[in-house]
Protein backbone atom coordinates (compact mmCIF):
# COMPACT_ATOMS: atom_id res chain seq x y z
CA MET A 1 172.76 101.57 441.93
CA SER A 2 171.86 101.71 438.23
CA LEU A 3 172.97 104.57 436.00
CA THR A 4 169.37 105.63 435.50
CA LYS A 5 168.69 105.72 439.24
CA LEU A 6 171.90 107.65 439.85
CA TYR A 7 171.03 110.13 437.13
CA SER A 8 167.52 110.66 438.53
CA GLN A 9 168.82 111.29 442.04
CA MET A 10 171.50 113.71 440.88
CA VAL A 11 169.05 115.62 438.69
CA ALA A 12 166.63 115.85 441.62
CA ILE A 13 169.38 117.29 443.83
CA SER A 14 170.42 119.78 441.16
CA LEU A 15 166.87 120.90 440.44
CA ALA A 16 166.21 121.44 444.13
CA ILE A 17 169.27 123.63 444.39
CA LEU A 18 168.48 125.49 441.19
CA LEU A 19 164.99 126.37 442.41
CA ALA A 20 166.63 128.33 445.20
CA ALA A 21 169.28 129.96 443.03
CA SER A 22 169.26 132.52 440.28
CA THR A 23 171.17 132.04 437.03
CA ALA A 24 173.84 134.53 438.11
CA PHE A 25 174.55 135.01 441.81
CA ALA A 26 176.81 137.84 443.02
CA VAL A 27 179.27 137.07 445.79
CA GLU A 28 182.07 139.04 447.39
CA ALA A 29 185.33 137.13 447.62
CA ILE A 30 188.90 137.83 448.76
CA GLY A 31 191.99 136.30 447.18
CA GLU A 32 195.65 136.39 448.14
CA GLY A 33 198.80 135.44 446.27
CA ILE A 34 202.36 136.29 445.46
CA ASP A 35 201.19 138.66 442.69
CA ARG A 36 197.99 140.21 441.36
CA GLN A 37 197.17 137.40 438.90
CA GLN A 38 197.53 134.67 441.53
CA ALA A 39 195.43 136.70 443.97
CA LEU A 40 192.73 137.24 441.34
CA ASN A 41 192.63 133.52 440.46
CA SER A 42 192.31 132.74 444.17
CA ALA A 43 189.42 135.19 444.53
CA LEU A 44 187.61 133.72 441.51
CA ARG A 45 187.96 130.21 442.91
CA THR A 46 186.73 131.36 446.31
CA ALA A 47 183.66 132.93 444.68
CA VAL A 48 182.79 129.66 442.95
CA GLU A 49 183.42 127.62 446.10
CA MET A 50 181.08 129.92 448.03
CA GLN A 51 178.36 129.46 445.43
CA ILE A 52 178.75 125.68 445.37
CA GLY A 53 177.44 125.85 448.93
CA THR A 54 177.26 123.36 451.74
CA ALA A 55 174.86 121.07 449.88
CA VAL A 56 177.50 120.33 447.26
CA ALA A 57 180.57 120.91 449.42
CA SER A 58 179.46 118.16 451.80
CA ASP A 59 179.07 115.68 448.94
CA SER A 60 181.49 112.76 449.11
CA LEU A 61 181.30 111.62 445.48
CA VAL A 62 184.81 110.36 444.83
CA GLU A 63 186.11 108.17 442.00
CA SER A 64 189.80 107.39 441.54
CA GLY A 65 190.72 110.11 444.01
CA VAL A 66 189.04 112.87 442.01
CA LEU A 67 186.61 115.03 443.97
CA VAL A 68 183.87 116.53 441.83
CA ARG A 69 183.55 119.79 443.70
CA ASP A 70 187.31 120.38 443.48
CA GLU A 71 187.13 119.79 439.74
CA ILE A 72 184.50 122.51 439.47
CA ALA A 73 186.42 124.92 441.68
CA SER A 74 189.72 124.35 439.87
CA HIS A 75 188.10 125.54 436.64
CA SER A 76 186.40 128.49 438.28
CA LYS A 77 186.99 131.02 435.49
CA GLY A 78 184.43 129.30 433.29
CA TYR A 79 181.66 129.97 435.81
CA ILE A 80 182.33 133.68 436.41
CA SER A 81 180.03 135.76 434.19
CA SER A 82 181.67 139.03 435.27
CA TYR A 83 183.47 140.55 438.21
CA LYS A 84 184.34 143.97 439.63
CA VAL A 85 187.40 144.74 441.71
CA LEU A 86 186.34 146.35 445.00
CA LYS A 87 189.73 146.65 446.65
CA GLU A 88 193.29 145.58 445.89
CA GLY A 89 196.85 146.25 446.89
CA ALA A 90 200.23 144.89 447.92
CA THR A 91 200.62 143.23 451.31
CA ALA A 92 203.58 142.13 453.41
CA ASP A 93 203.26 138.63 451.95
CA GLY A 94 202.38 139.51 448.37
CA TYR A 95 199.07 140.81 447.02
CA SER A 96 195.41 140.88 448.09
CA ILE A 97 192.31 141.55 446.03
CA THR A 98 188.60 141.74 446.85
CA ILE A 99 186.07 141.23 444.05
CA ASP A 100 182.33 141.22 443.51
CA ALA A 101 181.79 138.27 441.14
CA ALA A 102 178.69 137.08 439.27
CA VAL A 103 178.71 133.27 439.29
CA ASP A 104 176.69 131.38 436.66
CA SER A 105 175.05 128.95 439.09
CA LYS A 106 172.87 127.26 436.48
CA LEU A 107 175.88 126.25 434.38
CA MET A 108 177.86 125.27 437.47
CA TYR A 109 175.22 122.91 438.84
CA SER A 110 174.60 121.48 435.40
CA ASP A 111 178.29 120.66 435.07
CA TYR A 112 178.38 119.34 438.62
CA THR A 113 175.62 116.85 437.81
CA THR A 114 177.33 115.78 434.61
CA LEU A 115 180.72 115.27 436.27
CA ALA A 116 179.23 113.38 439.20
CA ILE A 117 177.54 110.91 436.89
CA LEU A 118 180.51 110.58 434.56
CA GLN A 119 182.81 109.73 437.42
CA LYS A 120 180.42 106.96 438.43
CA MET A 121 180.59 105.55 434.88
CA SER A 122 184.20 104.37 435.03
CA GLY A 123 185.19 102.44 431.91
CA LEU A 124 182.07 103.41 430.00
CA PRO A 125 182.09 103.97 427.05
CA ARG A 126 185.28 103.43 425.02
CA LEU A 127 186.40 106.46 422.99
CA LEU A 128 188.77 106.68 420.03
CA ILE A 129 190.25 110.20 419.91
CA PHE A 130 192.20 111.60 416.96
CA GLY A 131 192.97 114.81 415.08
CA SER A 132 190.85 115.79 412.10
CA GLY A 133 189.75 118.76 410.00
CA ALA A 134 190.17 120.25 406.56
CA GLY A 135 193.60 121.67 407.41
CA PHE A 136 194.70 118.63 409.38
CA ASN A 137 197.49 117.62 407.00
CA SER A 138 199.12 121.04 407.31
CA VAL A 139 199.27 120.88 411.10
CA PRO A 140 202.69 119.92 412.47
CA PRO A 141 202.35 116.31 413.75
CA GLN A 142 203.79 117.01 417.19
CA SER A 143 201.44 119.96 417.76
CA MET A 144 198.36 117.88 416.90
CA LYS A 145 199.60 115.03 419.12
CA GLU A 146 199.82 117.41 422.07
CA LEU A 147 196.29 118.68 421.49
CA VAL A 148 194.85 115.17 421.14
CA HIS A 149 196.69 114.15 424.32
CA ALA A 150 195.18 117.11 426.18
CA VAL A 151 191.65 116.04 425.18
CA SER A 152 192.38 112.37 425.88
CA ARG A 153 193.72 113.15 429.35
CA THR A 154 190.53 115.05 430.17
CA PHE A 155 188.24 112.19 429.14
CA GLY A 156 190.51 109.54 430.67
CA ASN A 157 191.88 111.12 433.85
CA LYS A 158 189.03 113.43 434.78
CA PHE A 159 185.98 111.48 433.61
CA GLN A 160 187.42 107.93 433.84
CA PHE A 161 186.38 106.92 430.32
CA GLU A 162 188.31 104.23 428.49
CA VAL A 163 190.27 106.16 425.88
CA ILE A 164 192.19 105.13 422.78
CA ASP A 165 194.57 108.03 422.19
CA TRP A 166 195.32 107.43 418.51
CA PRO A 167 198.73 109.18 418.33
CA MET A 168 199.84 107.06 421.29
CA SER A 169 198.23 103.82 420.09
CA ARG A 170 198.87 103.74 416.35
CA ALA A 171 202.03 101.61 416.67
CA LYS A 172 199.90 98.92 418.30
CA TYR A 173 197.62 98.75 415.25
CA SER A 174 200.14 98.45 412.42
CA GLU A 175 197.42 97.19 410.05
CA ILE A 176 195.88 100.68 409.97
CA GLU A 177 197.96 102.85 407.65
CA GLY A 178 197.88 106.61 407.23
CA SER A 179 195.89 109.11 409.25
CA MET A 180 192.78 108.01 411.14
CA ASN A 181 189.25 108.97 410.06
CA LEU A 182 185.70 107.82 410.77
CA LYS A 183 185.61 105.45 407.80
CA LYS A 184 188.77 103.69 408.94
CA ALA A 185 187.55 103.61 412.54
CA ALA A 186 184.44 101.70 411.42
CA LYS A 187 186.39 99.40 409.08
CA PHE A 188 188.97 98.41 411.68
CA ASN A 189 186.78 98.48 414.76
CA ARG A 190 187.24 94.73 415.20
CA LEU A 191 190.74 95.74 416.35
CA LEU A 192 190.00 99.07 417.99
CA LYS A 193 186.83 97.94 419.81
CA ALA A 194 185.69 101.54 420.27
CA ASP A 195 182.13 102.72 420.84
CA TYR A 196 182.54 106.35 419.79
CA VAL A 197 185.07 108.55 418.04
CA VAL A 198 185.94 112.06 419.19
CA THR A 199 187.66 114.17 416.55
CA VAL A 200 189.81 117.12 417.56
CA GLU A 201 190.31 120.11 415.27
CA LEU A 202 192.07 123.42 415.85
CA GLU A 203 190.90 126.18 413.55
CA LEU A 204 193.06 129.28 413.00
CA PRO A 205 190.98 132.00 411.33
CA ARG A 206 193.08 134.95 410.15
CA ASP A 207 191.04 137.69 411.83
CA ALA A 208 190.00 135.97 415.05
CA ASN A 209 191.34 133.84 417.89
CA PRO A 210 191.78 130.08 417.34
CA VAL A 211 188.78 127.80 417.84
CA MET A 212 188.85 124.27 419.29
CA HIS A 213 186.33 122.04 417.51
CA LEU A 214 185.34 118.64 418.96
CA THR A 215 182.87 116.23 417.36
CA CYS A 216 181.57 112.94 418.78
CA VAL A 217 180.20 110.23 416.47
CA ARG A 218 178.94 106.73 417.26
CA ILE A 219 180.92 104.21 415.23
CA SER A 220 178.20 101.58 414.82
CA ASP A 221 175.92 103.77 412.69
CA GLY A 222 177.78 107.05 412.16
CA LEU A 223 175.31 108.99 414.30
CA LYS A 224 176.64 112.41 415.33
CA ILE A 225 176.22 112.60 419.10
CA GLY A 226 177.32 116.18 419.48
CA GLU A 227 179.87 118.84 418.64
CA VAL A 228 181.25 121.95 420.27
CA ARG A 229 183.21 124.92 419.02
CA ARG A 230 185.19 126.51 421.83
CA PRO A 231 186.86 129.88 421.07
CA ILE A 232 190.32 130.26 422.58
CA GLU A 233 190.44 133.26 424.91
CA LYS A 234 194.19 133.76 424.76
CA TYR A 235 195.56 135.82 421.87
CA VAL A 236 197.74 133.92 419.41
CA SER A 237 200.09 135.68 417.03
CA LEU A 238 199.84 134.35 413.47
CA SER A 239 203.28 135.60 412.48
CA GLY A 240 206.14 133.21 411.88
CA LYS A 241 206.44 129.73 410.40
CA PRO A 242 203.36 127.43 410.42
CA ALA A 243 204.94 125.08 412.96
CA GLU A 244 205.57 127.99 415.33
CA VAL A 245 202.05 129.36 414.89
CA TYR A 246 200.40 126.00 415.58
CA SER A 247 202.65 125.38 418.55
CA ARG A 248 201.51 128.67 420.09
CA ALA A 249 197.89 127.90 419.22
CA VAL A 250 198.08 124.46 420.85
CA ASP A 251 199.52 125.93 424.06
CA ALA A 252 196.67 128.45 424.15
CA ALA A 253 194.07 125.77 423.38
CA LYS A 254 195.10 123.21 426.02
CA PRO A 255 193.14 124.88 428.87
CA GLU A 256 190.03 124.75 426.67
CA ALA A 257 190.31 120.95 426.29
CA TYR A 258 188.56 120.54 429.63
CA TRP A 259 185.60 122.74 428.71
CA ALA A 260 185.16 121.30 425.24
CA SER A 261 185.28 117.79 426.69
CA VAL A 262 182.67 118.61 429.35
CA ARG A 263 180.26 119.76 426.66
CA ILE A 264 180.83 116.68 424.49
CA ALA A 265 180.54 114.44 427.56
CA ARG A 266 177.17 115.99 428.39
CA GLU A 267 175.88 115.33 424.86
CA LEU A 268 177.12 111.76 425.11
CA LEU A 269 175.54 111.27 428.52
CA GLU A 270 172.18 112.62 427.36
CA ARG A 271 172.22 110.30 424.34
CA MET A 272 173.05 107.30 426.50
CA GLU A 273 170.32 108.21 428.97
CA SER A 274 167.72 108.54 426.21
CA GLU A 275 168.63 105.08 424.93
CA LEU A 276 168.67 103.56 428.39
CA ASP A 277 165.20 104.95 428.98
CA ARG A 278 164.04 102.98 425.95
CA GLY A 279 165.56 99.84 427.40
CA LYS A 280 168.36 99.55 424.87
CA GLY A 281 171.80 98.11 425.50
CA PHE A 282 173.65 94.88 424.86
CA ARG A 283 171.71 91.78 425.80
CA TYR A 284 173.58 89.11 427.75
CA THR A 285 172.83 85.79 429.36
CA LEU A 286 174.43 85.44 432.79
CA THR A 287 174.44 81.98 434.35
CA PHE A 288 175.37 81.32 437.98
CA LEU A 289 175.97 77.71 439.02
CA GLY A 290 176.27 76.40 442.57
CA PHE A 291 175.97 79.75 444.36
CA PRO A 292 174.39 79.47 447.84
CA GLU A 293 173.32 83.15 448.16
CA LEU A 294 171.59 84.03 444.88
CA SER A 295 169.53 86.88 446.33
CA HIS A 296 172.68 88.88 447.14
CA ILE A 297 174.00 88.28 443.63
CA GLY A 298 170.79 89.54 442.03
CA THR A 299 171.01 92.78 443.99
CA ALA A 300 174.73 93.21 443.25
CA LEU A 301 174.10 92.93 439.50
CA GLU A 302 172.02 96.12 439.59
CA ASP A 303 174.98 98.07 441.02
CA VAL A 304 177.33 97.17 438.16
CA PRO A 305 178.16 100.27 436.04
CA GLY A 306 176.30 100.24 432.73
CA PHE A 307 173.33 98.27 434.12
CA VAL A 308 170.08 98.84 432.21
CA ARG A 309 167.71 96.09 433.36
CA LYS A 310 167.55 92.38 434.08
CA GLU A 311 165.12 89.46 434.06
CA VAL A 312 165.55 86.24 436.03
CA LYS A 313 164.71 83.51 433.50
CA ARG A 314 165.29 80.48 435.68
CA GLN A 315 166.23 79.93 439.30
CA ASN A 316 166.29 76.68 441.24
CA GLY A 317 168.32 75.77 444.26
CA MET A 318 171.82 77.17 443.82
CA ASN A 319 171.55 77.93 440.09
CA MET A 320 170.24 81.02 438.30
CA GLU A 321 170.02 82.24 434.70
CA VAL A 322 169.57 85.97 434.09
CA THR A 323 168.86 87.91 430.91
CA TYR A 324 170.85 91.08 431.44
CA TRP A 325 171.01 94.34 429.49
CA SER A 326 174.11 96.51 429.83
CA THR A 327 175.96 99.23 427.94
CA LEU A 328 179.28 97.54 428.79
CA ARG A 329 181.12 95.34 426.32
CA ALA A 330 181.38 91.66 427.17
CA GLU A 331 185.00 91.74 428.39
CA ASN A 332 184.34 94.69 430.66
CA LEU A 333 181.08 93.25 431.96
CA LEU A 334 182.83 90.00 432.87
CA LYS A 335 185.36 91.94 434.96
CA ARG A 336 182.68 94.07 436.59
CA VAL A 337 180.45 91.13 437.54
CA SER A 338 183.49 89.28 438.90
CA THR A 339 184.28 92.30 441.07
CA ALA A 340 180.64 92.49 442.21
CA LEU A 341 180.75 88.83 443.28
CA LYS A 342 183.90 89.43 445.33
CA ASN A 343 182.27 92.47 446.93
CA VAL A 344 179.43 90.29 448.27
CA GLY A 345 181.89 87.77 449.71
CA VAL A 346 182.25 85.21 446.90
CA GLU A 347 186.01 84.66 446.85
CA LYS A 348 186.41 81.49 444.78
CA PHE A 349 184.64 81.00 441.48
CA GLN A 350 185.34 80.22 437.86
CA SER A 351 184.17 82.40 434.98
CA LYS A 352 183.81 81.81 431.25
CA MET A 353 182.76 84.05 428.36
CA ASP A 354 181.32 82.77 425.09
CA GLY A 355 180.18 85.77 423.06
CA ARG A 356 177.47 87.36 425.18
CA ASN A 357 176.98 84.28 427.33
CA LEU A 358 178.77 84.73 430.64
CA LYS A 359 178.97 81.81 433.08
CA PHE A 360 180.09 81.82 436.70
CA ARG A 361 180.59 78.66 438.78
CA TRP A 362 181.11 78.80 442.53
CA GLN A 363 183.98 76.74 443.93
CA ASN A 364 183.16 75.33 447.36
CA PRO A 365 185.95 73.98 449.61
CA GLU A 366 185.60 70.52 448.10
CA GLY A 367 185.64 71.83 444.52
CA PHE A 368 183.48 70.62 441.61
């Protein structure tokens, strides 16, 4: 299924659910745990799970073992607008609490749609993530590394994007000296091969809690895709040495990496969708030689992640040439098409890439 088709279906599902739901829906939930905080967290998660409902709970969207609905439920605090404790107290096994919680259903279903689509876009696009900001040079290196890693893990592990974590990767690119910035990313992109950069900044205002600031920019033309400023809920003491202050701030900011990344991912997804709707993407020529079942191959090509559209230019006998638009880079597209061929039963074939010309030759038992 193409990305556009998937997006349309998911939006239709979400809109149908939203028509039957208010922005904030109150639910009564019970939580248990070894102490009050654990019991409260359990109750908040239960409230969100109840609001997700059977329509979403029965969904089987899974990618790399990550279940979308569990991802939503595990970050339940972000969807609770407010709550009131109805009953609480110690039990024989620990603590129990009953709450009346207002769940922001509109935000929850919006995030559900975004996550579902993102997890179907494995390997797309490729992000370069690094620390930035006016006070960047004063931030202890190890603290910034930890924050960049937290953001990178969210994009890579949760959303399945290809991620270049700059603090982890800089030794590989010894030609690039000093700290990374957008100008260097564009200059050395022949090595990095990134599509977008995501900059990570941690602001520490003197009279307010820290703020996580993420910005996404397309490398090819410097277009700002989106940015988000996420206030850190946890209090951070500004007393002590700078390294100690930033270390505390980073620890407090790590839980916000998920939320900031979701917002940036949504901006990125919306930009990609708007461009796909205009038929943009990389143009390739795919040639298939000696394949006996070309109709199956044509259908399989539309299910490759990043597919935009295709046109069959020539087809005769066992040969076919296709003009193919995709948001994948050539190396990734070659792997994806090869996988698609194996999925339709083509076990033995040769492949060759020359720029954006990709050729596939079937190998019959007698060979060529």
